[in-house]
């Protein structure tokens, strides 16, 4: 029978350590993905805001059609 040292007897299980490390890495990956998504959303919003200022106002015909559609829904 193999004699175990005190460190081996009272050390945390190897599997538990690996799982804990895996969870820590997973948390980091998720946080990084969220940060990238937030940056991408901010960039898209800025681009869209820039495009809105360049858009022409609707024509008289477009406004009339919109008014007709809105009054038909009511």
N, C-alpha and C. Protein backbone atom coordinates (compact mmCIF):
# COMPACT_ATOMS: atom_id res chain seq x y z
N UNK A 1 0.83 -1.18 0.00
CA UNK A 1 0.00 0.00 0.00
C UNK A 1 0.88 1.24 0.00
N UNK A 2 0.45 2.24 -0.79
CA UNK A 2 1.25 3.46 -0.91
C UNK A 2 0.98 4.37 0.27
N UNK A 3 2.03 4.94 0.83
CA UNK A 3 1.90 5.87 1.94
C UNK A 3 1.75 7.28 1.38
N UNK A 4 0.70 7.97 1.81
CA UNK A 4 0.46 9.33 1.32
C UNK A 4 1.04 10.33 2.30
N UNK A 5 1.55 11.42 1.77
CA UNK A 5 2.08 12.48 2.62
C UNK A 5 0.92 13.32 3.15
N UNK A 6 1.23 14.16 4.11
CA UNK A 6 0.19 15.02 4.70
C UNK A 6 -0.40 15.94 3.62
N UNK A 7 0.46 16.48 2.74
CA UNK A 7 0.00 17.37 1.67
C UNK A 7 -0.96 16.65 0.73
N UNK A 8 -0.66 15.39 0.43
CA UNK A 8 -1.53 14.63 -0.45
C UNK A 8 -2.87 14.30 0.22
N UNK A 9 -2.81 14.03 1.51
CA UNK A 9 -4.03 13.66 2.24
C UNK A 9 -5.00 14.82 2.35
N UNK A 10 -4.47 16.01 2.59
CA UNK A 10 -5.35 17.15 2.87
C UNK A 10 -5.45 18.15 1.71
N UNK A 11 -4.90 17.82 0.59
CA UNK A 11 -4.98 18.71 -0.58
C UNK A 11 -6.39 18.63 -1.17
N UNK A 12 -6.87 19.73 -1.74
CA UNK A 12 -8.18 19.67 -2.38
C UNK A 12 -8.12 18.74 -3.60
N UNK A 13 -9.24 18.20 -3.96
CA UNK A 13 -9.28 17.27 -5.09
C UNK A 13 -8.84 17.97 -6.37
N UNK A 14 -8.11 17.24 -7.19
CA UNK A 14 -7.59 17.81 -8.43
C UNK A 14 -8.75 18.22 -9.34
N UNK A 15 -9.78 17.39 -9.37
CA UNK A 15 -10.94 17.67 -10.22
C UNK A 15 -11.62 18.98 -9.79
N UNK A 16 -11.75 19.18 -8.49
CA UNK A 16 -12.38 20.40 -7.98
C UNK A 16 -11.57 21.63 -8.38
N UNK A 17 -10.25 21.52 -8.32
CA UNK A 17 -9.41 22.66 -8.71
C UNK A 17 -9.58 22.96 -10.18
N UNK A 18 -9.62 21.90 -11.01
CA UNK A 18 -9.78 22.11 -12.45
C UNK A 18 -11.13 22.75 -12.75
N UNK A 19 -12.17 22.32 -12.06
CA UNK A 19 -13.50 22.88 -12.28
C UNK A 19 -13.53 24.35 -11.90
N UNK A 20 -12.90 24.68 -10.77
CA UNK A 20 -12.87 26.07 -10.33
C UNK A 20 -12.13 26.93 -11.35
N UNK A 21 -11.00 26.44 -11.85
CA UNK A 21 -10.25 27.17 -12.87
C UNK A 21 -11.08 27.35 -14.13
N UNK A 22 -11.80 26.29 -14.49
CA UNK A 22 -12.63 26.34 -15.71
C UNK A 22 -13.71 27.41 -15.54
N UNK A 23 -14.36 27.46 -14.37
CA UNK A 23 -15.39 28.46 -14.13
C UNK A 23 -14.81 29.87 -14.18
N UNK A 24 -13.64 30.06 -13.62
CA UNK A 24 -13.02 31.38 -13.65
C UNK A 24 -12.74 31.82 -15.08
N UNK A 25 -12.20 30.90 -15.89
CA UNK A 25 -11.94 31.23 -17.30
C UNK A 25 -13.25 31.51 -18.04
N UNK A 26 -14.29 30.73 -17.76
CA UNK A 26 -15.58 30.92 -18.42
C UNK A 26 -16.16 32.29 -18.07
N UNK A 27 -16.05 32.69 -16.81
CA UNK A 27 -16.54 34.00 -16.40
C UNK A 27 -15.79 35.11 -17.14
N UNK A 28 -14.49 34.95 -17.28
CA UNK A 28 -13.68 35.94 -17.98
C UNK A 28 -14.09 36.03 -19.44
N UNK A 29 -14.31 34.88 -20.08
CA UNK A 29 -14.70 34.85 -21.50
C UNK A 29 -16.05 35.54 -21.69
N UNK A 30 -17.00 35.26 -20.81
CA UNK A 30 -18.32 35.87 -20.91
C UNK A 30 -18.24 37.38 -20.71
N UNK A 31 -17.46 37.81 -19.74
CA UNK A 31 -17.31 39.24 -19.48
C UNK A 31 -16.69 39.94 -20.69
N UNK A 32 -15.69 39.32 -21.29
CA UNK A 32 -15.05 39.91 -22.47
C UNK A 32 -16.03 40.00 -23.64
N UNK A 33 -16.84 38.96 -23.82
CA UNK A 33 -17.83 38.96 -24.91
C UNK A 33 -18.87 40.06 -24.70
N UNK A 34 -19.31 40.24 -23.45
CA UNK A 34 -20.27 41.30 -23.16
C UNK A 34 -19.69 42.67 -23.46
N UNK A 35 -18.41 42.85 -23.09
CA UNK A 35 -17.75 44.13 -23.33
C UNK A 35 -17.66 44.42 -24.83
N UNK A 36 -17.30 43.37 -25.61
CA UNK A 36 -17.23 43.54 -27.07
C UNK A 36 -18.60 43.88 -27.65
N UNK A 37 -19.63 43.21 -27.17
CA UNK A 37 -20.99 43.45 -27.68
C UNK A 37 -21.44 44.88 -27.36
N UNK A 38 -21.10 45.35 -26.16
CA UNK A 38 -21.48 46.71 -25.77
C UNK A 38 -20.78 47.73 -26.65
N UNK A 39 -19.50 47.49 -26.92
CA UNK A 39 -18.75 48.41 -27.79
C UNK A 39 -19.33 48.42 -29.20
N UNK A 40 -19.68 47.22 -29.71
CA UNK A 40 -20.25 47.11 -31.04
C UNK A 40 -21.59 47.82 -31.11
N UNK A 41 -22.41 47.68 -30.07
CA UNK A 41 -23.72 48.34 -30.04
C UNK A 41 -23.56 49.86 -30.02
N UNK A 42 -22.59 50.34 -29.24
CA UNK A 42 -22.35 51.79 -29.17
C UNK A 42 -21.90 52.32 -30.53
N UNK A 43 -21.01 51.57 -31.19
CA UNK A 43 -20.52 52.00 -32.50
C UNK A 43 -21.67 52.03 -33.51
N UNK A 44 -22.53 51.01 -33.48
CA UNK A 44 -23.66 50.96 -34.41
C UNK A 44 -24.61 52.12 -34.15
N UNK A 45 -24.86 52.42 -32.87
CA UNK A 45 -25.75 53.52 -32.53
C UNK A 45 -25.19 54.85 -33.03
N UNK A 46 -23.88 55.03 -32.90
CA UNK A 46 -23.26 56.27 -33.38
C UNK A 46 -23.40 56.39 -34.89
N UNK A 47 -23.16 55.29 -35.60
CA UNK A 47 -23.28 55.32 -37.06
C UNK A 47 -24.71 55.63 -37.47
N UNK A 48 -25.68 55.02 -36.79
CA UNK A 48 -27.08 55.24 -37.13
C UNK A 48 -27.47 56.69 -36.85
N UNK A 49 -26.98 57.24 -35.73
CA UNK A 49 -27.29 58.63 -35.39
C UNK A 49 -26.71 59.57 -36.45
N UNK A 50 -25.54 59.24 -36.94
CA UNK A 50 -24.93 60.05 -37.99
C UNK A 50 -25.72 59.98 -39.28
N UNK A 51 -26.28 58.84 -39.59
CA UNK A 51 -27.07 58.69 -40.82
C UNK A 51 -28.39 59.42 -40.71
N UNK A 52 -28.97 59.45 -39.50
CA UNK A 52 -30.26 60.13 -39.33
C UNK A 52 -30.14 61.62 -39.65
N UNK A 53 -29.05 62.22 -39.26
CA UNK A 53 -28.90 63.65 -39.50
C UNK A 53 -28.76 63.94 -40.99
N UNK A 54 -28.31 62.97 -41.76
CA UNK A 54 -28.13 63.18 -43.20
C UNK A 54 -29.39 62.86 -43.99
N UNK A 55 -30.37 62.22 -43.36
CA UNK A 55 -31.58 61.84 -44.07
C UNK A 55 -32.41 63.07 -44.42
N UNK A 56 -33.05 63.00 -45.57
CA UNK A 56 -33.93 64.10 -45.97
C UNK A 56 -35.27 63.97 -45.26
N UNK A 57 -35.94 65.07 -45.01
CA UNK A 57 -37.27 64.98 -44.41
C UNK A 57 -38.24 64.33 -45.41
N UNK A 58 -39.31 63.72 -44.94
CA UNK A 58 -40.25 63.07 -45.85
C UNK A 58 -40.94 64.08 -46.77
N UNK A 59 -41.27 63.63 -47.96
CA UNK A 59 -41.95 64.50 -48.92
C UNK A 59 -43.41 64.67 -48.50
N UNK A 60 -44.10 65.58 -49.16
CA UNK A 60 -45.51 65.83 -48.86
C UNK A 60 -46.32 64.56 -49.09
N UNK A 61 -46.02 63.85 -50.16
CA UNK A 61 -46.74 62.62 -50.48
C UNK A 61 -46.51 61.54 -49.40
N UNK A 62 -45.27 61.43 -48.96
CA UNK A 62 -44.96 60.45 -47.91
C UNK A 62 -45.68 60.80 -46.61
N UNK A 63 -45.69 62.09 -46.27
CA UNK A 63 -46.37 62.52 -45.04
C UNK A 63 -47.86 62.23 -45.13
N UNK A 64 -48.44 62.49 -46.31
CA UNK A 64 -49.88 62.25 -46.50
C UNK A 64 -50.20 60.77 -46.35
N UNK A 65 -49.38 59.91 -46.97
CA UNK A 65 -49.59 58.46 -46.86
C UNK A 65 -49.48 57.99 -45.40
N UNK A 66 -48.51 58.51 -44.70
CA UNK A 66 -48.34 58.15 -43.30
C UNK A 66 -49.55 58.59 -42.48
N UNK A 67 -50.02 59.80 -42.72
CA UNK A 67 -51.19 60.30 -42.00
C UNK A 67 -52.41 59.42 -42.29
N UNK A 68 -52.56 58.99 -43.54
CA UNK A 68 -53.69 58.12 -43.90
C UNK A 68 -53.58 56.76 -43.17
N UNK A 69 -52.38 56.22 -43.13
CA UNK A 69 -52.20 54.94 -42.45
C UNK A 69 -52.49 55.05 -40.97
N UNK A 70 -52.01 56.13 -40.36
CA UNK A 70 -52.23 56.31 -38.92
C UNK A 70 -53.70 56.55 -38.60
N UNK A 71 -54.40 57.29 -39.46
CA UNK A 71 -55.83 57.55 -39.20
C UNK A 71 -56.65 56.28 -39.45
N UNK A 72 -56.21 55.42 -40.36
CA UNK A 72 -56.94 54.17 -40.64
C UNK A 72 -56.82 53.21 -39.47
N UNK A 73 -55.72 53.24 -38.73
CA UNK A 73 -55.52 52.35 -37.58
C UNK A 73 -56.39 52.76 -36.41
N UNK A 74 -56.68 54.03 -36.28
CA UNK A 74 -57.43 54.52 -35.11
C UNK A 74 -58.89 54.16 -35.15
